[in-house]
Each structure stands twice: as C-alpha cells, then as structure tokens.
All heavy atoms as atom14 arrays in JSON, in Angstrom:
{
  "sequence": "AETFYKAVKNLWQFRFLGKTFSAWLYRIAGNLIVDYFRHKKT",
  "atom14_mask": [
    [1, 1, 1, 1, 1, 0, 0, 0, 0, 0, 0, 0, 0, 0],
    [1, 1, 1, 1, 1, 1, 1, 1, 1, 0, 0, 0, 0, 0],
    [1, 1, 1, 1, 1, 1, 1, 0, 0, 0, 0, 0, 0, 0],
    [1, 1, 1, 1, 1, 1, 1, 1, 1, 1, 1, 0, 0, 0],
    [1, 1, 1, 1, 1, 1, 1, 1, 1, 1, 1, 1, 0, 0],
    [1, 1, 1, 1, 1, 1, 1, 1, 1, 0, 0, 0, 0, 0],
    [1, 1, 1, 1, 1, 0, 0, 0, 0, 0, 0, 0, 0, 0],
    [1, 1, 1, 1, 1, 1, 1, 0, 0, 0, 0, 0, 0, 0],
    [1, 1, 1, 1, 1, 1, 1, 1, 1, 0, 0, 0, 0, 0],
    [1, 1, 1, 1, 1, 1, 1, 1, 0, 0, 0, 0, 0, 0],
    [1, 1, 1, 1, 1, 1, 1, 1, 0, 0, 0, 0, 0, 0],
    [1, 1, 1, 1, 1, 1, 1, 1, 1, 1, 1, 1, 1, 1],
    [1, 1, 1, 1, 1, 1, 1, 1, 1, 0, 0, 0, 0, 0],
    [1, 1, 1, 1, 1, 1, 1, 1, 1, 1, 1, 0, 0, 0],
    [1, 1, 1, 1, 1, 1, 1, 1, 1, 1, 1, 0, 0, 0],
    [1, 1, 1, 1, 1, 1, 1, 1, 1, 1, 1, 0, 0, 0],
    [1, 1, 1, 1, 1, 1, 1, 1, 0, 0, 0, 0, 0, 0],
    [1, 1, 1, 1, 0, 0, 0, 0, 0, 0, 0, 0, 0, 0],
    [1, 1, 1, 1, 1, 1, 1, 1, 1, 0, 0, 0, 0, 0],
    [1, 1, 1, 1, 1, 1, 1, 0, 0, 0, 0, 0, 0, 0],
    [1, 1, 1, 1, 1, 1, 1, 1, 1, 1, 1, 0, 0, 0],
    [1, 1, 1, 1, 1, 1, 0, 0, 0, 0, 0, 0, 0, 0],
    [1, 1, 1, 1, 1, 0, 0, 0, 0, 0, 0, 0, 0, 0],
    [1, 1, 1, 1, 1, 1, 1, 1, 1, 1, 1, 1, 1, 1],
    [1, 1, 1, 1, 1, 1, 1, 1, 0, 0, 0, 0, 0, 0],
    [1, 1, 1, 1, 1, 1, 1, 1, 1, 1, 1, 1, 0, 0],
    [1, 1, 1, 1, 1, 1, 1, 1, 1, 1, 1, 0, 0, 0],
    [1, 1, 1, 1, 1, 1, 1, 1, 0, 0, 0, 0, 0, 0],
    [1, 1, 1, 1, 1, 0, 0, 0, 0, 0, 0, 0, 0, 0],
    [1, 1, 1, 1, 0, 0, 0, 0, 0, 0, 0, 0, 0, 0],
    [1, 1, 1, 1, 1, 1, 1, 1, 0, 0, 0, 0, 0, 0],
    [1, 1, 1, 1, 1, 1, 1, 1, 0, 0, 0, 0, 0, 0],
    [1, 1, 1, 1, 1, 1, 1, 1, 0, 0, 0, 0, 0, 0],
    [1, 1, 1, 1, 1, 1, 1, 0, 0, 0, 0, 0, 0, 0],
    [1, 1, 1, 1, 1, 1, 1, 1, 0, 0, 0, 0, 0, 0],
    [1, 1, 1, 1, 1, 1, 1, 1, 1, 1, 1, 1, 0, 0],
    [1, 1, 1, 1, 1, 1, 1, 1, 1, 1, 1, 0, 0, 0],
    [1, 1, 1, 1, 1, 1, 1, 1, 1, 1, 1, 0, 0, 0],
    [1, 1, 1, 1, 1, 1, 1, 1, 1, 1, 0, 0, 0, 0],
    [1, 1, 1, 1, 1, 1, 1, 1, 1, 0, 0, 0, 0, 0],
    [1, 1, 1, 1, 1, 1, 1, 1, 1, 0, 0, 0, 0, 0],
    [1, 1, 1, 1, 1, 1, 1, 0, 0, 0, 0, 0, 0, 0]
  ],
  "atom14_positions": [
    [[55.25, -102.51, 140.33], [54.7, -103.35, 141.39], [53.52, -104.17, 140.88], [53.4, -105.36, 141.16], [54.26, -102.49, 142.57], [0.0, 0.0, 0.0], [0.0, 0.0, 0.0], [0.0, 0.0, 0.0], [0.0, 0.0, 0.0], [0.0, 0.0, 0.0], [0.0, 0.0, 0.0], [0.0, 0.0, 0.0], [0.0, 0.0, 0.0], [0.0, 0.0, 0.0]],
    [[52.66, -103.53, 140.09], [51.49, -104.22, 139.53], [51.92, -105.32, 138.56], [51.3, -106.39, 138.49], [50.58, -103.22, 138.83], [49.3, -103.8, 138.26], [48.27, -104.15, 139.32], [48.5, -103.84, 140.51], [47.24, -104.74, 138.97], [0.0, 0.0, 0.0], [0.0, 0.0, 0.0], [0.0, 0.0, 0.0], [0.0, 0.0, 0.0], [0.0, 0.0, 0.0]],
    [[52.99, -105.07, 137.82], [53.52, -106.06, 136.88], [53.9, -107.34, 137.61], [53.52, -108.45, 137.2], [54.76, -105.51, 136.14], [54.36, -104.39, 135.34], [55.39, -106.57, 135.25], [0.0, 0.0, 0.0], [0.0, 0.0, 0.0], [0.0, 0.0, 0.0], [0.0, 0.0, 0.0], [0.0, 0.0, 0.0], [0.0, 0.0, 0.0], [0.0, 0.0, 0.0]],
    [[54.63, -107.2, 138.7], [55.07, -108.38, 139.44], [53.92, -109.04, 140.2], [53.89, -110.26, 140.36], [56.22, -108.02, 140.39], [57.53, -107.85, 139.67], [57.98, -106.59, 139.29], [58.3, -108.95, 139.33], [59.17, -106.44, 138.61], [59.49, -108.81, 138.64], [59.93, -107.55, 138.28], [0.0, 0.0, 0.0], [0.0, 0.0, 0.0], [0.0, 0.0, 0.0]],
    [[52.98, -108.23, 140.65], [51.8, -108.78, 141.3], [51.02, -109.66, 140.33], [50.62, -110.79, 140.66], [50.91, -107.64, 141.82], [49.63, -108.12, 142.45], [49.62, -108.67, 143.73], [48.42, -108.03, 141.77], [48.44, -109.12, 144.31], [47.24, -108.47, 142.35], [47.26, -109.01, 143.62], [46.1, -109.46, 144.17], [0.0, 0.0, 0.0], [0.0, 0.0, 0.0]],
    [[50.82, -109.18, 139.11], [50.11, -109.96, 138.1], [50.9, -111.2, 137.7], [50.34, -112.27, 137.44], [49.83, -109.09, 136.86], [48.7, -108.1, 137.05], [48.46, -107.31, 135.76], [47.25, -106.39, 135.89], [45.99, -107.13, 136.01], [0.0, 0.0, 0.0], [0.0, 0.0, 0.0], [0.0, 0.0, 0.0], [0.0, 0.0, 0.0], [0.0, 0.0, 0.0]],
    [[52.23, -111.05, 137.64], [53.08, -112.17, 137.25], [53.0, -113.31, 138.27], [52.83, -114.47, 137.89], [54.53, -111.7, 137.1], [0.0, 0.0, 0.0], [0.0, 0.0, 0.0], [0.0, 0.0, 0.0], [0.0, 0.0, 0.0], [0.0, 0.0, 0.0], [0.0, 0.0, 0.0], [0.0, 0.0, 0.0], [0.0, 0.0, 0.0], [0.0, 0.0, 0.0]],
    [[53.11, -112.97, 139.54], [53.06, -114.03, 140.56], [51.66, -114.64, 140.66], [51.5, -115.84, 140.87], [53.54, -113.5, 141.93], [52.5, -112.58, 142.57], [53.87, -114.65, 142.86], [0.0, 0.0, 0.0], [0.0, 0.0, 0.0], [0.0, 0.0, 0.0], [0.0, 0.0, 0.0], [0.0, 0.0, 0.0], [0.0, 0.0, 0.0], [0.0, 0.0, 0.0]],
    [[50.66, -113.81, 140.46], [49.28, -114.29, 140.52], [48.96, -115.23, 139.37], [48.18, -116.19, 139.53], [48.34, -113.07, 140.48], [46.87, -113.41, 140.62], [46.03, -112.13, 140.59], [44.55, -112.44, 140.67], [43.74, -111.19, 140.59], [0.0, 0.0, 0.0], [0.0, 0.0, 0.0], [0.0, 0.0, 0.0], [0.0, 0.0, 0.0], [0.0, 0.0, 0.0]],
    [[49.56, -114.98, 138.2], [49.25, -115.77, 137.0], [50.41, -116.65, 136.55], [50.44, -117.11, 135.41], [48.86, -114.84, 135.86], [47.62, -114.02, 136.18], [46.54, -114.56, 136.33], [47.79, -112.71, 136.27], [0.0, 0.0, 0.0], [0.0, 0.0, 0.0], [0.0, 0.0, 0.0], [0.0, 0.0, 0.0], [0.0, 0.0, 0.0], [0.0, 0.0, 0.0]],
    [[51.35, -116.9, 137.47], [52.53, -117.68, 137.11], [52.17, -119.08, 136.6], [52.84, -119.62, 135.73], [53.47, -117.79, 138.32], [54.86, -118.34, 138.05], [55.6, -117.46, 137.05], [55.66, -118.44, 139.35], [0.0, 0.0, 0.0], [0.0, 0.0, 0.0], [0.0, 0.0, 0.0], [0.0, 0.0, 0.0], [0.0, 0.0, 0.0], [0.0, 0.0, 0.0]],
    [[51.1, -119.63, 137.14], [50.68, -120.98, 136.74], [50.26, -121.02, 135.27], [50.28, -122.07, 134.63], [49.53, -121.45, 137.62], [48.29, -120.61, 137.49], [48.02, -119.44, 138.16], [47.17, -120.84, 136.63], [46.8, -118.94, 137.78], [46.25, -119.78, 136.85], [46.83, -121.85, 135.73], [45.04, -119.7, 136.17], [45.63, -121.76, 135.06], [44.75, -120.71, 135.28]],
    [[49.88, -119.85, 134.71], [49.45, -119.79, 133.31], [50.61, -119.66, 132.34], [50.46, -119.92, 131.14], [48.51, -118.59, 133.1], [47.18, -118.71, 133.82], [46.28, -117.51, 133.56], [46.78, -116.39, 133.37], [44.99, -117.72, 133.55], [0.0, 0.0, 0.0], [0.0, 0.0, 0.0], [0.0, 0.0, 0.0], [0.0, 0.0, 0.0], [0.0, 0.0, 0.0]],
    [[51.76, -119.23, 132.84], [52.89, -119.0, 131.96], [53.44, -120.3, 131.39], [53.66, -121.27, 132.11], [54.01, -118.26, 132.71], [55.27, -118.1, 131.91], [55.31, -117.25, 130.82], [56.41, -118.82, 132.23], [56.46, -117.11, 130.06], [57.56, -118.69, 131.49], [57.59, -117.83, 130.4], [0.0, 0.0, 0.0], [0.0, 0.0, 0.0], [0.0, 0.0, 0.0]],
    [[53.63, -120.32, 130.08], [54.21, -121.47, 129.41], [55.41, -121.0, 128.61], [55.33, -120.02, 127.87], [53.19, -122.13, 128.47], [51.98, -122.71, 129.18], [52.36, -123.93, 130.01], [51.19, -124.49, 130.7], [50.8, -124.12, 131.92], [51.47, -123.17, 132.55], [49.75, -124.68, 132.48], [0.0, 0.0, 0.0], [0.0, 0.0, 0.0], [0.0, 0.0, 0.0]],
    [[56.52, -121.72, 128.72], [57.73, -121.31, 128.02], [57.54, -121.38, 126.51], [57.47, -120.37, 125.85], [58.91, -122.19, 128.46], [59.38, -121.87, 129.86], [58.92, -122.61, 130.94], [60.25, -120.82, 130.08], [59.34, -122.31, 132.23], [60.66, -120.51, 131.37], [60.21, -121.26, 132.44], [0.0, 0.0, 0.0], [0.0, 0.0, 0.0], [0.0, 0.0, 0.0]],
    [[57.43, -122.55, 125.95], [57.17, -122.73, 124.52], [58.0, -121.76, 123.67], [57.5, -121.08, 122.79], [55.66, -122.52, 124.23], [54.7, -123.46, 124.95], [53.25, -123.07, 124.66], [54.96, -124.91, 124.53], [0.0, 0.0, 0.0], [0.0, 0.0, 0.0], [0.0, 0.0, 0.0], [0.0, 0.0, 0.0], [0.0, 0.0, 0.0], [0.0, 0.0, 0.0]],
    [[59.28, -121.71, 123.98], [60.19, -120.83, 123.23], [60.22, -119.4, 123.75], [60.99, -118.58, 123.28], [0.0, 0.0, 0.0], [0.0, 0.0, 0.0], [0.0, 0.0, 0.0], [0.0, 0.0, 0.0], [0.0, 0.0, 0.0], [0.0, 0.0, 0.0], [0.0, 0.0, 0.0], [0.0, 0.0, 0.0], [0.0, 0.0, 0.0], [0.0, 0.0, 0.0]],
    [[59.37, -119.1, 124.72], [59.31, -117.76, 125.28], [60.11, -117.69, 126.58], [60.35, -118.69, 127.23], [57.86, -117.36, 125.55], [56.99, -117.33, 124.3], [55.56, -116.96, 124.66], [54.69, -116.93, 123.41], [53.29, -116.6, 123.72], [0.0, 0.0, 0.0], [0.0, 0.0, 0.0], [0.0, 0.0, 0.0], [0.0, 0.0, 0.0], [0.0, 0.0, 0.0]],
    [[60.49, -116.48, 126.95], [61.21, -116.28, 128.2], [60.3, -115.58, 129.22], [59.39, -114.86, 128.85], [62.47, -115.42, 128.0], [62.09, -114.13, 127.51], [63.43, -116.08, 127.02], [0.0, 0.0, 0.0], [0.0, 0.0, 0.0], [0.0, 0.0, 0.0], [0.0, 0.0, 0.0], [0.0, 0.0, 0.0], [0.0, 0.0, 0.0], [0.0, 0.0, 0.0]],
    [[60.61, -115.79, 130.47], [59.85, -115.16, 131.54], [60.0, -113.64, 131.48], [59.04, -112.9, 131.7], [60.34, -115.69, 132.89], [59.68, -115.05, 134.08], [58.39, -115.37, 134.44], [60.36, -114.09, 134.83], [57.78, -114.77, 135.54], [59.77, -113.48, 135.93], [58.47, -113.83, 136.27], [0.0, 0.0, 0.0], [0.0, 0.0, 0.0], [0.0, 0.0, 0.0]],
    [[61.21, -113.18, 131.16], [61.46, -111.73, 131.1], [60.61, -111.08, 130.0], [60.08, -109.98, 130.2], [62.94, -111.45, 130.85], [63.4, -112.11, 129.68], [0.0, 0.0, 0.0], [0.0, 0.0, 0.0], [0.0, 0.0, 0.0], [0.0, 0.0, 0.0], [0.0, 0.0, 0.0], [0.0, 0.0, 0.0], [0.0, 0.0, 0.0], [0.0, 0.0, 0.0]],
    [[60.46, -111.76, 128.87], [59.62, -111.21, 127.79], [58.18, -111.11, 128.25], [57.48, -110.14, 127.92], [59.71, -112.11, 126.56], [0.0, 0.0, 0.0], [0.0, 0.0, 0.0], [0.0, 0.0, 0.0], [0.0, 0.0, 0.0], [0.0, 0.0, 0.0], [0.0, 0.0, 0.0], [0.0, 0.0, 0.0], [0.0, 0.0, 0.0], [0.0, 0.0, 0.0]],
    [[57.73, -112.08, 129.01], [56.37, -112.09, 129.56], [56.19, -110.89, 130.5], [55.16, -110.21, 130.47], [56.13, -113.4, 130.29], [54.73, -113.62, 130.77], [53.57, -113.55, 130.03], [54.33, -113.98, 132.1], [52.48, -113.85, 130.83], [52.92, -114.11, 132.1], [55.03, -114.21, 133.29], [52.2, -114.46, 133.24], [54.31, -114.57, 134.42], [52.91, -114.68, 134.39]],
    [[57.19, -110.61, 131.32], [57.12, -109.47, 132.25], [57.0, -108.15, 131.49], [56.18, -107.29, 131.84], [58.37, -109.42, 133.14], [58.46, -110.37, 134.32], [59.78, -110.17, 135.04], [57.29, -110.17, 135.29], [0.0, 0.0, 0.0], [0.0, 0.0, 0.0], [0.0, 0.0, 0.0], [0.0, 0.0, 0.0], [0.0, 0.0, 0.0], [0.0, 0.0, 0.0]],
    [[57.81, -107.99, 130.44], [57.75, -106.76, 129.65], [56.39, -106.6, 128.99], [55.88, -105.49, 128.87], [58.85, -106.76, 128.58], [60.17, -106.24, 129.07], [61.2, -107.11, 129.41], [60.4, -104.87, 129.18], [62.43, -106.63, 129.86], [61.62, -104.38, 129.63], [62.63, -105.28, 129.97], [63.84, -104.79, 130.42], [0.0, 0.0, 0.0], [0.0, 0.0, 0.0]],
    [[55.8, -107.71, 128.57], [54.48, -107.63, 127.93], [53.42, -107.2, 128.93], [52.56, -106.38, 128.63], [54.1, -108.98, 127.32], [52.88, -108.89, 126.41], [52.58, -110.22, 125.75], [53.72, -110.71, 125.0], [53.77, -111.92, 124.44], [52.74, -112.74, 124.56], [54.83, -112.3, 123.76], [0.0, 0.0, 0.0], [0.0, 0.0, 0.0], [0.0, 0.0, 0.0]],
    [[53.51, -107.73, 130.16], [52.57, -107.33, 131.22], [52.74, -105.83, 131.5], [51.76, -105.09, 131.57], [52.81, -108.14, 132.51], [52.46, -109.62, 132.29], [51.96, -107.57, 133.66], [52.84, -110.51, 133.46], [0.0, 0.0, 0.0], [0.0, 0.0, 0.0], [0.0, 0.0, 0.0], [0.0, 0.0, 0.0], [0.0, 0.0, 0.0], [0.0, 0.0, 0.0]],
    [[53.98, -105.41, 131.66], [54.26, -103.99, 131.94], [53.77, -103.11, 130.8], [53.16, -102.06, 131.03], [55.76, -103.78, 132.16], [0.0, 0.0, 0.0], [0.0, 0.0, 0.0], [0.0, 0.0, 0.0], [0.0, 0.0, 0.0], [0.0, 0.0, 0.0], [0.0, 0.0, 0.0], [0.0, 0.0, 0.0], [0.0, 0.0, 0.0], [0.0, 0.0, 0.0]],
    [[54.02, -103.54, 129.58], [53.59, -102.76, 128.41], [52.08, -102.59, 128.37], [51.57, -101.5, 128.08], [0.0, 0.0, 0.0], [0.0, 0.0, 0.0], [0.0, 0.0, 0.0], [0.0, 0.0, 0.0], [0.0, 0.0, 0.0], [0.0, 0.0, 0.0], [0.0, 0.0, 0.0], [0.0, 0.0, 0.0], [0.0, 0.0, 0.0], [0.0, 0.0, 0.0]],
    [[51.35, -103.67, 128.68], [49.88, -103.6, 128.7], [49.39, -102.66, 129.79], [48.42, -101.91, 129.59], [49.28, -104.99, 128.9], [49.46, -105.89, 127.69], [49.62, -105.4, 126.57], [49.43, -107.19, 127.89], [0.0, 0.0, 0.0], [0.0, 0.0, 0.0], [0.0, 0.0, 0.0], [0.0, 0.0, 0.0], [0.0, 0.0, 0.0], [0.0, 0.0, 0.0]],
    [[50.04, -102.69, 130.95], [49.66, -101.8, 132.05], [49.92, -100.34, 131.69], [49.14, -99.45, 132.05], [50.42, -102.18, 133.33], [49.98, -103.47, 134.01], [50.97, -103.85, 135.12], [48.57, -103.32, 134.59], [0.0, 0.0, 0.0], [0.0, 0.0, 0.0], [0.0, 0.0, 0.0], [0.0, 0.0, 0.0], [0.0, 0.0, 0.0], [0.0, 0.0, 0.0]],
    [[51.0, -100.1, 130.98], [51.33, -98.73, 130.56], [50.3, -98.23, 129.57], [49.84, -97.08, 129.65], [52.75, -98.69, 129.95], [53.79, -98.89, 131.06], [53.0, -97.35, 129.25], [55.19, -99.19, 130.57], [0.0, 0.0, 0.0], [0.0, 0.0, 0.0], [0.0, 0.0, 0.0], [0.0, 0.0, 0.0], [0.0, 0.0, 0.0], [0.0, 0.0, 0.0]],
    [[49.91, -99.09, 128.63], [48.86, -98.72, 127.67], [47.57, -98.4, 128.41], [46.89, -97.41, 128.12], [48.63, -99.85, 126.64], [47.37, -99.57, 125.81], [49.83, -99.98, 125.72], [0.0, 0.0, 0.0], [0.0, 0.0, 0.0], [0.0, 0.0, 0.0], [0.0, 0.0, 0.0], [0.0, 0.0, 0.0], [0.0, 0.0, 0.0], [0.0, 0.0, 0.0]],
    [[47.21, -99.25, 129.39], [45.99, -99.02, 130.18], [46.07, -97.71, 130.94], [45.09, -96.97, 131.05], [45.77, -100.16, 131.17], [45.3, -101.44, 130.49], [44.85, -101.36, 129.34], [45.42, -102.52, 131.1], [0.0, 0.0, 0.0], [0.0, 0.0, 0.0], [0.0, 0.0, 0.0], [0.0, 0.0, 0.0], [0.0, 0.0, 0.0], [0.0, 0.0, 0.0]],
    [[47.27, -97.41, 131.47], [47.43, -96.17, 132.22], [47.15, -94.97, 131.33], [46.4, -94.06, 131.7], [48.84, -96.07, 132.82], [49.14, -94.67, 133.28], [48.56, -94.17, 134.44], [49.93, -93.81, 132.51], [48.77, -92.86, 134.84], [50.14, -92.51, 132.91], [49.57, -92.03, 134.07], [49.76, -90.73, 134.45], [0.0, 0.0, 0.0], [0.0, 0.0, 0.0]],
    [[47.77, -94.94, 130.16], [47.58, -93.8, 129.27], [46.16, -93.73, 128.72], [45.67, -92.65, 128.4], [48.59, -93.84, 128.12], [49.96, -93.37, 128.53], [51.03, -94.24, 128.51], [50.17, -92.07, 128.94], [52.3, -93.81, 128.9], [51.42, -91.62, 129.33], [52.49, -92.5, 129.31], [0.0, 0.0, 0.0], [0.0, 0.0, 0.0], [0.0, 0.0, 0.0]],
    [[45.52, -94.88, 128.64], [44.14, -94.88, 128.15], [43.2, -94.32, 129.2], [42.27, -93.58, 128.9], [43.73, -96.31, 127.79], [42.32, -96.42, 127.19], [42.02, -97.85, 126.81], [42.87, -98.3, 125.73], [43.5, -99.47, 125.7], [43.39, -100.31, 126.71], [44.24, -99.81, 124.67], [0.0, 0.0, 0.0], [0.0, 0.0, 0.0], [0.0, 0.0, 0.0]],
    [[43.43, -94.67, 130.46], [42.51, -94.24, 131.53], [43.12, -93.2, 132.46], [42.43, -92.67, 133.33], [42.09, -95.46, 132.36], [41.49, -96.56, 131.53], [40.3, -96.41, 130.86], [41.93, -97.81, 131.27], [40.02, -97.54, 130.22], [40.99, -98.4, 130.44], [0.0, 0.0, 0.0], [0.0, 0.0, 0.0], [0.0, 0.0, 0.0], [0.0, 0.0, 0.0]],
    [[44.44, -92.96, 132.29], [45.15, -91.99, 133.14], [45.06, -92.33, 134.61], [44.98, -91.48, 135.48], [44.61, -90.57, 132.9], [44.95, -89.98, 131.56], [46.45, -89.81, 131.4], [46.79, -89.19, 130.04], [48.24, -89.07, 129.83], [0.0, 0.0, 0.0], [0.0, 0.0, 0.0], [0.0, 0.0, 0.0], [0.0, 0.0, 0.0], [0.0, 0.0, 0.0]],
    [[45.03, -93.61, 134.89], [45.05, -94.04, 136.29], [45.51, -95.48, 136.33], [45.48, -96.19, 135.35], [43.67, -93.91, 136.94], [42.62, -94.85, 136.34], [41.3, -94.7, 137.05], [40.25, -95.65, 136.48], [38.98, -95.55, 137.17], [0.0, 0.0, 0.0], [0.0, 0.0, 0.0], [0.0, 0.0, 0.0], [0.0, 0.0, 0.0], [0.0, 0.0, 0.0]],
    [[45.94, -95.9, 137.5], [46.31, -97.31, 137.69], [45.94, -97.74, 139.1], [46.21, -97.04, 140.06], [47.81, -97.53, 137.44], [48.13, -98.9, 137.65], [48.69, -96.68, 138.34], [0.0, 0.0, 0.0], [0.0, 0.0, 0.0], [0.0, 0.0, 0.0], [0.0, 0.0, 0.0], [0.0, 0.0, 0.0], [0.0, 0.0, 0.0], [0.0, 0.0, 0.0]]
  ]
}
C-alpha cells in the first residue's frame, strides 16, 4: 500500500528514459522493505 501511495504521490517525478514504471514500483517497494528491516516498523 505504501509503495503505491508513494508512486501516485511522486508520479510527476517519474521519467521513462528507457525505464519502465513497473521497475520503478519494485525499486520503491525494495527501499521500503530495506527501511522496514532497518527500523522494524513501517
């Protein structure tokens, strides 16, 4: 849920430039997962 919330909030910042939207989503999710394990909370 947080991944999609961040995606819609920052959609204006997304630039294709050879990248895909799905790859951007996975990167957001991956960063949130790292943050979760670092702080054990979300």
